[in-house]
């Protein structure tokens, strides 16, 4: 898989309280392209981070309607991927390498 396509699939990490607690379970959370399949996400993470992926779970998140002053706005829909890594992966080294 080409590097350009990998970066189109994985749009970035999601850093929330829930995703931070998922690192204890050897999971990483990414915002991914809405049309990306689980197989494509798995291959992209394995090539990008050089780790072994055990499973990929995806969630389609619906955008919320928000108000910005007097104007009504709408946040975009996006897809979230929980990527479970192999038990032998050192999460501290992996996370410090990404920073």
PDB file of N, CA and C in Angstrom:
ATOM      1  N   UNK A   1       0.852  -1.170   0.000  1.00  0.00           N
ATOM      2  CA  UNK A   1       0.000   0.000   0.000  1.00  0.00           C
ATOM      3  C   UNK A   1       0.902   1.239   0.000  1.00  0.00           C
ATOM      4  N   UNK A   2       0.577   2.200  -0.827  1.00  0.00           N
ATOM      5  CA  UNK A   2       1.394   3.400  -0.949  1.00  0.00           C
ATOM      6  C   UNK A   2       1.219   4.314   0.258  1.00  0.00           C
ATOM      7  N   UNK A   3       2.263   5.074   0.555  1.00  0.00           N
ATOM      8  CA  UNK A   3       2.266   5.977   1.712  1.00  0.00           C
ATOM      9  C   UNK A   3       1.165   7.032   1.599  1.00  0.00           C
ATOM     10  N   UNK A   4       0.899   7.523   0.408  1.00  0.00           N
ATOM     11  CA  UNK A   4      -0.144   8.534   0.207  1.00  0.00           C
ATOM     12  C   UNK A   4      -1.510   7.980   0.578  1.00  0.00           C
ATOM     13  N   UNK A   5      -1.780   6.732   0.175  1.00  0.00           N
ATOM     14  CA  UNK A   5      -3.077   6.120   0.463  1.00  0.00           C
ATOM     15  C   UNK A   5      -3.227   5.823   1.952  1.00  0.00           C
ATOM     16  N   UNK A   6      -2.120   5.454   2.609  1.00  0.00           N
ATOM     17  CA  UNK A   6      -2.148   5.214   4.056  1.00  0.00           C
ATOM     18  C   UNK A   6      -2.554   6.486   4.786  1.00  0.00           C
ATOM     19  N   UNK A   7      -1.998   7.613   4.375  1.00  0.00           N
ATOM     20  CA  UNK A   7      -2.307   8.877   5.035  1.00  0.00           C
ATOM     21  C   UNK A   7      -3.700   9.381   4.702  1.00  0.00           C
ATOM     22  N   UNK A   8      -4.292   8.909   3.610  1.00  0.00           N
ATOM     23  CA  UNK A   8      -5.682   9.239   3.316  1.00  0.00           C
ATOM     24  C   UNK A   8      -6.624   8.405   4.174  1.00  0.00           C
ATOM     25  N   UNK A   9      -6.241   7.166   4.450  1.00  0.00           N
ATOM     26  CA  UNK A   9      -7.073   6.294   5.276  1.00  0.00           C
ATOM     27  C   UNK A   9      -7.038   6.745   6.731  1.00  0.00           C
ATOM     28  N   UNK A  10      -5.831   6.877   7.294  1.00  0.00           N
ATOM     29  CA  UNK A  10      -5.691   7.273   8.697  1.00  0.00           C
ATOM     30  C   UNK A  10      -5.519   8.781   8.735  1.00  0.00           C
ATOM     31  N   UNK A  11      -6.551   9.467   9.210  1.00  0.00           N
ATOM     32  CA  UNK A  11      -6.537  10.926   9.200  1.00  0.00           C
ATOM     33  C   UNK A  11      -5.889  11.505  10.445  1.00  0.00           C
ATOM     34  N   UNK A  12      -5.778  10.737  11.513  1.00  0.00           N
ATOM     35  CA  UNK A  12      -5.113  11.213  12.707  1.00  0.00           C
ATOM     36  C   UNK A  12      -5.582  10.479  13.941  1.00  0.00           C
ATOM     37  N   UNK A  13      -4.856  10.628  15.045  1.00  0.00           N
ATOM     38  CA  UNK A  13      -5.276   9.986  16.286  1.00  0.00           C
ATOM     39  C   UNK A  13      -6.411  10.763  16.943  1.00  0.00           C
ATOM     40  N   UNK A  14      -7.250  10.067  17.689  1.00  0.00           N
ATOM     41  CA  UNK A  14      -8.292  10.702  18.484  1.00  0.00           C
ATOM     42  C   UNK A  14      -7.847  10.662  19.937  1.00  0.00           C
ATOM     43  N   UNK A  15      -7.702  11.818  20.538  1.00  0.00           N
ATOM     44  CA  UNK A  15      -7.261  11.890  21.922  1.00  0.00           C
ATOM     45  C   UNK A  15      -8.423  12.384  22.770  1.00  0.00           C
ATOM     46  N   UNK A  16      -9.055  11.448  23.463  1.00  0.00           N
ATOM     47  CA  UNK A  16     -10.145  11.753  24.376  1.00  0.00           C
ATOM     48  C   UNK A  16      -9.886  10.984  25.668  1.00  0.00           C
ATOM     49  N   UNK A  17     -10.718  11.205  26.650  1.00  0.00           N
ATOM     50  CA  UNK A  17     -10.564  10.478  27.907  1.00  0.00           C
ATOM     51  C   UNK A  17     -10.777   8.983  27.692  1.00  0.00           C
ATOM     52  N   UNK A  18     -11.755   8.635  26.888  1.00  0.00           N
ATOM     53  CA  UNK A  18     -12.037   7.236  26.618  1.00  0.00           C
ATOM     54  C   UNK A  18     -10.911   6.577  25.817  1.00  0.00           C
ATOM     55  N   UNK A  19     -10.358   7.289  24.843  1.00  0.00           N
ATOM     56  CA  UNK A  19      -9.279   6.708  24.053  1.00  0.00           C
ATOM     57  C   UNK A  19      -7.987   6.592  24.860  1.00  0.00           C
ATOM     58  N   UNK A  20      -7.800   7.472  25.831  1.00  0.00           N
ATOM     59  CA  UNK A  20      -6.627   7.374  26.696  1.00  0.00           C
ATOM     60  C   UNK A  20      -6.709   6.140  27.584  1.00  0.00           C
ATOM     61  N   UNK A  21      -7.908   5.803  28.042  1.00  0.00           N
ATOM     62  CA  UNK A  21      -8.058   4.602  28.863  1.00  0.00           C
ATOM     63  C   UNK A  21      -7.960   3.335  28.008  1.00  0.00           C
ATOM     64  N   UNK A  22      -8.169   3.443  26.717  1.00  0.00           N
ATOM     65  CA  UNK A  22      -8.066   2.282  25.828  1.00  0.00           C
ATOM     66  C   UNK A  22      -6.623   1.839  25.639  1.00  0.00           C
ATOM     67  N   UNK A  23      -5.655   2.711  25.894  1.00  0.00           N
ATOM     68  CA  UNK A  23      -4.249   2.317  25.747  1.00  0.00           C
ATOM     69  C   UNK A  23      -3.860   1.254  26.764  1.00  0.00           C
ATOM     70  N   UNK A  24      -4.561   1.192  27.905  1.00  0.00           N
ATOM     71  CA  UNK A  24      -4.296   0.140  28.889  1.00  0.00           C
ATOM     72  C   UNK A  24      -4.698  -1.222  28.341  1.00  0.00           C
ATOM     73  N   UNK A  25      -5.630  -1.249  27.402  1.00  0.00           N
ATOM     74  CA  UNK A  25      -6.082  -2.497  26.772  1.00  0.00           C
ATOM     75  C   UNK A  25      -5.311  -2.792  25.489  1.00  0.00           C
ATOM     76  N   UNK A  26      -4.193  -2.106  25.279  1.00  0.00           N
ATOM     77  CA  UNK A  26      -3.378  -2.255  24.061  1.00  0.00           C
ATOM     78  C   UNK A  26      -4.168  -1.868  22.816  1.00  0.00           C
ATOM     79  N   UNK A  27      -4.926  -0.757  22.903  1.00  0.00           N
ATOM     80  CA  UNK A  27      -5.693  -0.266  21.764  1.00  0.00           C
ATOM     81  C   UNK A  27      -5.285   1.163  21.444  1.00  0.00           C
ATOM     82  N   UNK A  28      -5.324   1.487  20.166  1.00  0.00           N
ATOM     83  CA  UNK A  28      -5.137   2.852  19.686  1.00  0.00           C
ATOM     84  C   UNK A  28      -6.415   3.276  18.980  1.00  0.00           C
ATOM     85  N   UNK A  29      -6.722   4.579  19.036  1.00  0.00           N
ATOM     86  CA  UNK A  29      -7.950   5.083  18.427  1.00  0.00           C
ATOM     87  C   UNK A  29      -7.568   6.107  17.363  1.00  0.00           C
ATOM     88  N   UNK A  30      -8.110   5.923  16.158  1.00  0.00           N
ATOM     89  CA  UNK A  30      -7.808   6.805  15.040  1.00  0.00           C
ATOM     90  C   UNK A  30      -9.085   7.323  14.401  1.00  0.00           C
ATOM     91  N   UNK A  31      -8.997   8.520  13.840  1.00  0.00           N
ATOM     92  CA  UNK A  31     -10.038   9.034  12.957  1.00  0.00           C
ATOM     93  C   UNK A  31      -9.638   8.575  11.565  1.00  0.00           C
ATOM     94  N   UNK A  32     -10.554   7.887  10.878  1.00  0.00           N
ATOM     95  CA  UNK A  32     -10.224   7.295   9.585  1.00  0.00           C
ATOM     96  C   UNK A  32     -11.219   7.765   8.527  1.00  0.00           C
ATOM     97  N   UNK A  33     -10.882   7.504   7.272  1.00  0.00           N
ATOM     98  CA  UNK A  33     -11.762   7.852   6.157  1.00  0.00           C
ATOM     99  C   UNK A  33     -13.059   7.064   6.272  1.00  0.00           C
ATOM    100  N   UNK A  34     -14.171   7.687   5.907  1.00  0.00           N
ATOM    101  CA  UNK A  34     -15.483   7.055   6.076  1.00  0.00           C
ATOM    102  C   UNK A  34     -15.671   5.844   5.182  1.00  0.00           C
ATOM    103  N   UNK A  35     -14.970   5.777   4.062  1.00  0.00           N
ATOM    104  CA  UNK A  35     -15.115   4.652   3.144  1.00  0.00           C
ATOM    105  C   UNK A  35     -14.076   3.562   3.377  1.00  0.00           C
ATOM    106  N   UNK A  36     -13.204   3.728   4.373  1.00  0.00           N
ATOM    107  CA  UNK A  36     -12.151   2.748   4.636  1.00  0.00           C
ATOM    108  C   UNK A  36     -12.737   1.487   5.266  1.00  0.00           C
ATOM    109  N   UNK A  37     -12.242   0.340   4.818  1.00  0.00           N
ATOM    110  CA  UNK A  37     -12.685  -0.934   5.385  1.00  0.00           C
ATOM    111  C   UNK A  37     -11.760  -1.343   6.523  1.00  0.00           C
ATOM    112  N   UNK A  38     -12.182  -2.331   7.289  1.00  0.00           N
ATOM    113  CA  UNK A  38     -11.366  -2.813   8.405  1.00  0.00           C
ATOM    114  C   UNK A  38     -10.040  -3.384   7.911  1.00  0.00           C
ATOM    115  N   UNK A  39     -10.050  -4.064   6.787  1.00  0.00           N
ATOM    116  CA  UNK A  39      -8.826  -4.643   6.234  1.00  0.00           C
ATOM    117  C   UNK A  39      -7.846  -3.553   5.823  1.00  0.00           C
ATOM    118  N   UNK A  40      -8.361  -2.483   5.197  1.00  0.00           N
ATOM    119  CA  UNK A  40      -7.495  -1.367   4.789  1.00  0.00           C
ATOM    120  C   UNK A  40      -6.908  -0.664   6.007  1.00  0.00           C
ATOM    121  N   UNK A  41      -7.713  -0.481   7.045  1.00  0.00           N
ATOM    122  CA  UNK A  41      -7.229   0.170   8.269  1.00  0.00           C
ATOM    123  C   UNK A  41      -6.150  -0.676   8.916  1.00  0.00           C
ATOM    124  N   UNK A  42      -6.374  -1.981   8.976  1.00  0.00           N
ATOM    125  CA  UNK A  42      -5.392  -2.889   9.575  1.00  0.00           C
ATOM    126  C   UNK A  42      -4.060  -2.820   8.838  1.00  0.00           C
ATOM    127  N   UNK A  43      -4.111  -2.903   7.526  1.00  0.00           N
ATOM    128  CA  UNK A  43      -2.884  -2.870   6.725  1.00  0.00           C
ATOM    129  C   UNK A  43      -2.163  -1.525   6.858  1.00  0.00           C
ATOM    130  N   UNK A  44      -2.931  -0.437   6.889  1.00  0.00           N
ATOM    131  CA  UNK A  44      -2.337   0.893   6.997  1.00  0.00           C
ATOM    132  C   UNK A  44      -1.635   1.081   8.337  1.00  0.00           C
ATOM    133  N   UNK A  45      -2.256   0.639   9.432  1.00  0.00           N
ATOM    134  CA  UNK A  45      -1.641   0.784  10.760  1.00  0.00           C
ATOM    135  C   UNK A  45      -0.402  -0.092  10.868  1.00  0.00           C
ATOM    136  N   UNK A  46      -0.467  -1.309  10.333  1.00  0.00           N
ATOM    137  CA  UNK A  46       0.695  -2.197  10.386  1.00  0.00           C
ATOM    138  C   UNK A  46       1.880  -1.615   9.636  1.00  0.00           C
ATOM    139  N   UNK A  47       1.641  -0.997   8.489  1.00  0.00           N
ATOM    140  CA  UNK A  47       2.734  -0.419   7.718  1.00  0.00           C
ATOM    141  C   UNK A  47       3.232   0.889   8.321  1.00  0.00           C
ATOM    142  N   UNK A  48       2.319   1.696   8.830  1.00  0.00           N
ATOM    143  CA  UNK A  48       2.702   3.008   9.349  1.00  0.00           C
ATOM    144  C   UNK A  48       3.457   2.905  10.670  1.00  0.00           C
ATOM    145  N   UNK A  49       2.978   2.074  11.589  1.00  0.00           N
ATOM    146  CA  UNK A  49       3.576   1.981  12.921  1.00  0.00           C
ATOM    147  C   UNK A  49       4.480   0.776  13.114  1.00  0.00           C
ATOM    148  N   UNK A  50       4.510  -0.130  12.133  1.00  0.00           N
ATOM    149  CA  UNK A  50       5.322  -1.344  12.188  1.00  0.00           C
ATOM    150  C   UNK A  50       5.001  -2.169  13.431  1.00  0.00           C
ATOM    151  N   UNK A  51       3.721  -2.470  13.624  1.00  0.00           N
ATOM    152  CA  UNK A  51       3.235  -3.299  14.724  1.00  0.00           C
ATOM    153  C   UNK A  51       2.323  -4.384  14.160  1.00  0.00           C
ATOM    154  N   UNK A  52       1.961  -5.350  15.002  1.00  0.00           N
ATOM    155  CA  UNK A  52       1.031  -6.397  14.609  1.00  0.00           C
ATOM    156  C   UNK A  52      -0.350  -6.054  15.134  1.00  0.00           C
ATOM    157  N   UNK A  53      -1.329  -5.974  14.239  1.00  0.00           N
ATOM    158  CA  UNK A  53      -2.704  -5.643  14.603  1.00  0.00           C
ATOM    159  C   UNK A  53      -3.495  -6.928  14.760  1.00  0.00           C
ATOM    160  N   UNK A  54      -4.198  -7.053  15.892  1.00  0.00           N
ATOM    161  CA  UNK A  54      -5.007  -8.237  16.164  1.00  0.00           C
ATOM    162  C   UNK A  54      -6.426  -8.056  15.628  1.00  0.00           C
ATOM    163  N   UNK A  55      -7.034  -6.879  15.913  1.00  0.00           N
ATOM    164  CA  UNK A  55      -8.418  -6.645  15.499  1.00  0.00           C
ATOM    165  C   UNK A  55      -8.648  -5.159  15.263  1.00  0.00           C
ATOM    166  N   UNK A  56      -9.668  -4.868  14.458  1.00  0.00           N
ATOM    167  CA  UNK A  56     -10.082  -3.489  14.183  1.00  0.00           C
ATOM    168  C   UNK A  56     -11.593  -3.404  14.371  1.00  0.00           C
ATOM    169  N   UNK A  57     -12.023  -2.485  15.229  1.00  0.00           N
ATOM    170  CA  UNK A  57     -13.446  -2.216  15.424  1.00  0.00           C
ATOM    171  C   UNK A  57     -13.712  -0.792  14.973  1.00  0.00           C
ATOM    172  N   UNK A  58     -14.769  -0.580  14.183  1.00  0.00           N
ATOM    173  CA  UNK A  58     -15.066   0.753  13.658  1.00  0.00           C
ATOM    174  C   UNK A  58     -16.432   1.226  14.141  1.00  0.00           C
ATOM    175  N   UNK A  59     -16.555   2.554  14.238  1.00  0.00           N
ATOM    176  CA  UNK A  59     -17.788   3.192  14.660  1.00  0.00           C
ATOM    177  C   UNK A  59     -18.021   4.393  13.757  1.00  0.00           C
ATOM    178  N   UNK A  60     -19.239   4.534  13.235  1.00  0.00           N
ATOM    179  CA  UNK A  60     -19.614   5.731  12.501  1.00  0.00           C
ATOM    180  C   UNK A  60     -20.217   6.715  13.492  1.00  0.00           C
ATOM    181  N   UNK A  61     -19.561   7.865  13.664  1.00  0.00           N
ATOM    182  CA  UNK A  61     -20.004   8.869  14.624  1.00  0.00           C
ATOM    183  C   UNK A  61     -20.801   9.927  13.876  1.00  0.00           C
ATOM    184  N   UNK A  62     -22.011  10.180  14.329  1.00  0.00           N
ATOM    185  CA  UNK A  62     -22.866  11.185  13.708  1.00  0.00           C
ATOM    186  C   UNK A  62     -22.491  12.563  14.236  1.00  0.00           C
ATOM    187  N   UNK A  63     -22.473  13.553  13.349  1.00  0.00           N
ATOM    188  CA  UNK A  63     -22.151  14.925  13.742  1.00  0.00           C
ATOM    189  C   UNK A  63     -23.265  15.541  14.565  1.00  0.00           C
ATOM    190  N   UNK A  64     -22.874  16.412  15.476  1.00  0.00           N
ATOM    191  CA  UNK A  64     -23.855  17.058  16.343  1.00  0.00           C
ATOM    192  C   UNK A  64     -24.219  18.429  15.788  1.00  0.00           C
ATOM    193  N   UNK A  65     -25.441  18.867  16.077  1.00  0.00           N
ATOM    194  CA  UNK A  65     -25.800  20.235  15.726  1.00  0.00           C
ATOM    195  C   UNK A  65     -25.385  21.132  16.882  1.00  0.00           C
ATOM    196  N   UNK A  66     -24.726  22.229  16.575  1.00  0.00           N
ATOM    197  CA  UNK A  66     -24.204  23.152  17.571  1.00  0.00           C
ATOM    198  C   UNK A  66     -24.599  24.568  17.202  1.00  0.00           C
ATOM    199  N   UNK A  67     -24.615  25.432  18.205  1.00  0.00           N
ATOM    200  CA  UNK A  67     -24.885  26.849  17.964  1.00  0.00           C
ATOM    201  C   UNK A  67     -23.590  27.625  18.137  1.00  0.00           C
ATOM    202  N   UNK A  68     -23.342  28.528  17.228  1.00  0.00           N
ATOM    203  CA  UNK A  68     -22.197  29.427  17.281  1.00  0.00           C
ATOM    204  C   UNK A  68     -22.754  30.846  17.327  1.00  0.00           C
ATOM    205  N   UNK A  69     -23.015  31.314  18.543  1.00  0.00           N
ATOM    206  CA  UNK A  69     -23.686  32.598  18.685  1.00  0.00           C
ATOM    207  C   UNK A  69     -25.123  32.459  18.254  1.00  0.00           C
ATOM    208  N   UNK A  70     -25.541  33.296  17.320  1.00  0.00           N
ATOM    209  CA  UNK A  70     -26.915  33.206  16.823  1.00  0.00           C
ATOM    210  C   UNK A  70     -27.060  32.219  15.678  1.00  0.00           C
ATOM    211  N   UNK A  71     -25.968  31.760  15.141  1.00  0.00           N
ATOM    212  CA  UNK A  71     -26.015  30.874  13.973  1.00  0.00           C
ATOM    213  C   UNK A  71     -25.990  29.402  14.401  1.00  0.00           C
ATOM    214  N   UNK A  72     -26.756  28.624  13.715  1.00  0.00           N
ATOM    215  CA  UNK A  72     -26.760  27.186  13.957  1.00  0.00           C
ATOM    216  C   UNK A  72     -25.738  26.540  13.030  1.00  0.00           C
ATOM    217  N   UNK A  73     -24.959  25.632  13.585  1.00  0.00           N
ATOM    218  CA  UNK A  73     -23.957  24.931  12.791  1.00  0.00           C
ATOM    219  C   UNK A  73     -24.104  23.437  12.978  1.00  0.00           C
ATOM    220  N   UNK A  74     -23.263  22.695  12.290  1.00  0.00           N
ATOM    221  CA  UNK A  74     -23.342  21.252  12.341  1.00  0.00           C
ATOM    222  C   UNK A  74     -21.941  20.680  12.224  1.00  0.00           C
ATOM    223  N   UNK A  75     -21.547  19.817  13.157  1.00  0.00           N
ATOM    224  CA  UNK A  75     -20.254  19.144  13.068  1.00  0.00           C
ATOM    225  C   UNK A  75     -20.350  17.995  12.069  1.00  0.00           C
ATOM    226  N   UNK A  76     -19.248  17.690  11.424  1.00  0.00           N
ATOM    227  CA  UNK A  76     -19.235  16.655  10.391  1.00  0.00           C
ATOM    228  C   UNK A  76     -19.317  15.252  10.990  1.00  0.00           C
ATOM    229  N   UNK A  77     -19.883  14.335  10.212  1.00  0.00           N
ATOM    230  CA  UNK A  77     -19.860  12.919  10.569  1.00  0.00           C
ATOM    231  C   UNK A  77     -18.440  12.407  10.315  1.00  0.00           C
ATOM    232  N   UNK A  78     -18.015  11.403  11.115  1.00  0.00           N
ATOM    233  CA  UNK A  78     -16.708  10.803  10.872  1.00  0.00           C
ATOM    234  C   UNK A  78     -16.719   9.357  11.335  1.00  0.00           C
ATOM    235  N   UNK A  79     -15.666   8.646  10.974  1.00  0.00           N
ATOM    236  CA  UNK A  79     -15.530   7.245  11.333  1.00  0.00           C
ATOM    237  C   UNK A  79     -14.363   7.108  12.297  1.00  0.00           C
ATOM    238  N   UNK A  80     -14.570   6.323  13.350  1.00  0.00           N
ATOM    239  CA  UNK A  80     -13.563   6.114  14.371  1.00  0.00           C
ATOM    240  C   UNK A  80     -13.174   4.643  14.363  1.00  0.00           C
ATOM    241  N   UNK A  81     -11.877   4.352  14.505  1.00  0.00           N
ATOM    242  CA  UNK A  81     -11.396   2.974  14.493  1.00  0.00           C
ATOM    243  C   UNK A  81     -10.623   2.686  15.772  1.00  0.00           C
ATOM    244  N   UNK A  82     -11.044   1.632  16.477  1.00  0.00           N
ATOM    245  CA  UNK A  82     -10.310   1.117  17.628  1.00  0.00           C
ATOM    246  C   UNK A  82      -9.439  -0.019  17.116  1.00  0.00           C
ATOM    247  N   UNK A  83      -8.116   0.136  17.207  1.00  0.00           N
ATOM    248  CA  UNK A  83      -7.172  -0.842  16.680  1.00  0.00           C
ATOM    249  C   UNK A  83      -6.534  -1.567  17.859  1.00  0.00           C
ATOM    250  N   UNK A  84      -6.782  -2.881  17.968  1.00  0.00           N
ATOM    251  CA  UNK A  84      -6.205  -3.696  19.044  1.00  0.00           C
ATOM    252  C   UNK A  84      -4.863  -4.240  18.566  1.00  0.00           C
ATOM    253  N   UNK A  85      -3.839  -4.043  19.397  1.00  0.00           N
ATOM    254  CA  UNK A  85      -2.487  -4.458  19.050  1.00  0.00           C
ATOM    255  C   UNK A  85      -2.126  -5.766  19.746  1.00  0.00           C
ATOM    256  N   UNK A  86      -1.041  -6.396  19.276  1.00  0.00           N
ATOM    257  CA  UNK A  86      -0.551  -7.644  19.838  1.00  0.00           C
ATOM    258  C   UNK A  86      -0.088  -7.436  21.277  1.00  0.00           C
ATOM    259  N   UNK A  87      -0.132  -8.483  22.081  1.00  0.00           N
ATOM    260  CA  UNK A  87       0.240  -8.383  23.501  1.00  0.00           C
ATOM    261  C   UNK A  87       1.701  -8.007  23.704  1.00  0.00           C
ATOM    262  N   UNK A  88       2.563  -8.331  22.772  1.00  0.00           N
ATOM    263  CA  UNK A  88       3.987  -8.069  22.917  1.00  0.00           C
ATOM    264  C   UNK A  88       4.408  -6.636  22.626  1.00  0.00           C
ATOM    265  N   UNK A  89       3.488  -5.768  22.265  1.00  0.00           N
ATOM    266  CA  UNK A  89       3.819  -4.386  21.891  1.00  0.00           C
ATOM    267  C   UNK A  89       4.030  -3.546  23.146  1.00  0.00           C
ATOM    268  N   UNK A  90       5.120  -2.785  23.183  1.00  0.00           N
ATOM    269  CA  UNK A  90       5.392  -1.865  24.291  1.00  0.00           C
ATOM    270  C   UNK A  90       4.706  -0.540  23.980  1.00  0.00           C
ATOM    271  N   UNK A  91       3.590  -0.291  24.671  1.00  0.00           N
ATOM    272  CA  UNK A  91       2.772   0.898  24.394  1.00  0.00           C
ATOM    273  C   UNK A  91       3.504   2.200  24.737  1.00  0.00           C
ATOM    274  N   UNK A  92       4.261   2.218  25.811  1.00  0.00           N
ATOM    275  CA  UNK A  92       4.971   3.447  26.199  1.00  0.00           C
ATOM    276  C   UNK A  92       5.982   3.848  25.150  1.00  0.00           C
ATOM    277  N   UNK A  93       6.733   2.883  24.630  1.00  0.00           N
ATOM    278  CA  UNK A  93       7.713   3.169  23.587  1.00  0.00           C
ATOM    279  C   UNK A  93       7.024   3.629  22.299  1.00  0.00           C
ATOM    280  N   UNK A  94       5.901   2.984  21.976  1.00  0.00           N
ATOM    281  CA  UNK A  94       5.150   3.323  20.756  1.00  0.00           C
ATOM    282  C   UNK A  94       4.593   4.727  20.845  1.00  0.00           C
ATOM    283  N   UNK A  95       4.005   5.089  21.986  1.00  0.00           N
ATOM    284  CA  UNK A  95       3.395   6.412  22.144  1.00  0.00           C
ATOM    285  C   UNK A  95       4.448   7.515  22.225  1.00  0.00           C
ATOM    286  N   UNK A  96       5.592   7.234  22.847  1.00  0.00           N
ATOM    287  CA  UNK A  96       6.642   8.245  22.920  1.00  0.00           C
ATOM    288  C   UNK A  96       7.309   8.439  21.558  1.00  0.00           C
ATOM    289  N   UNK A  97       7.318   7.394  20.742  1.00  0.00           N
ATOM    290  CA  UNK A  97       7.874   7.480  19.392  1.00  0.00           C
ATOM    291  C   UNK A  97       7.025   8.360  18.496  1.00  0.00           C
ATOM    292  N   UNK A  98       5.686   8.314  18.675  1.00  0.00           N
ATOM    293  CA  UNK A  98       4.773   9.102  17.858  1.00  0.00           C
ATOM    294  C   UNK A  98       4.815  10.578  18.225  1.00  0.00           C
ATOM    295  N   UNK A  99       5.131  10.912  19.445  1.00  0.00           N
ATOM    296  CA  UNK A  99       5.106  12.315  19.903  1.00  0.00           C
ATOM    297  C   UNK A  99       6.238  13.122  19.391  1.00  0.00           C
TER     298      UNK A  99
END
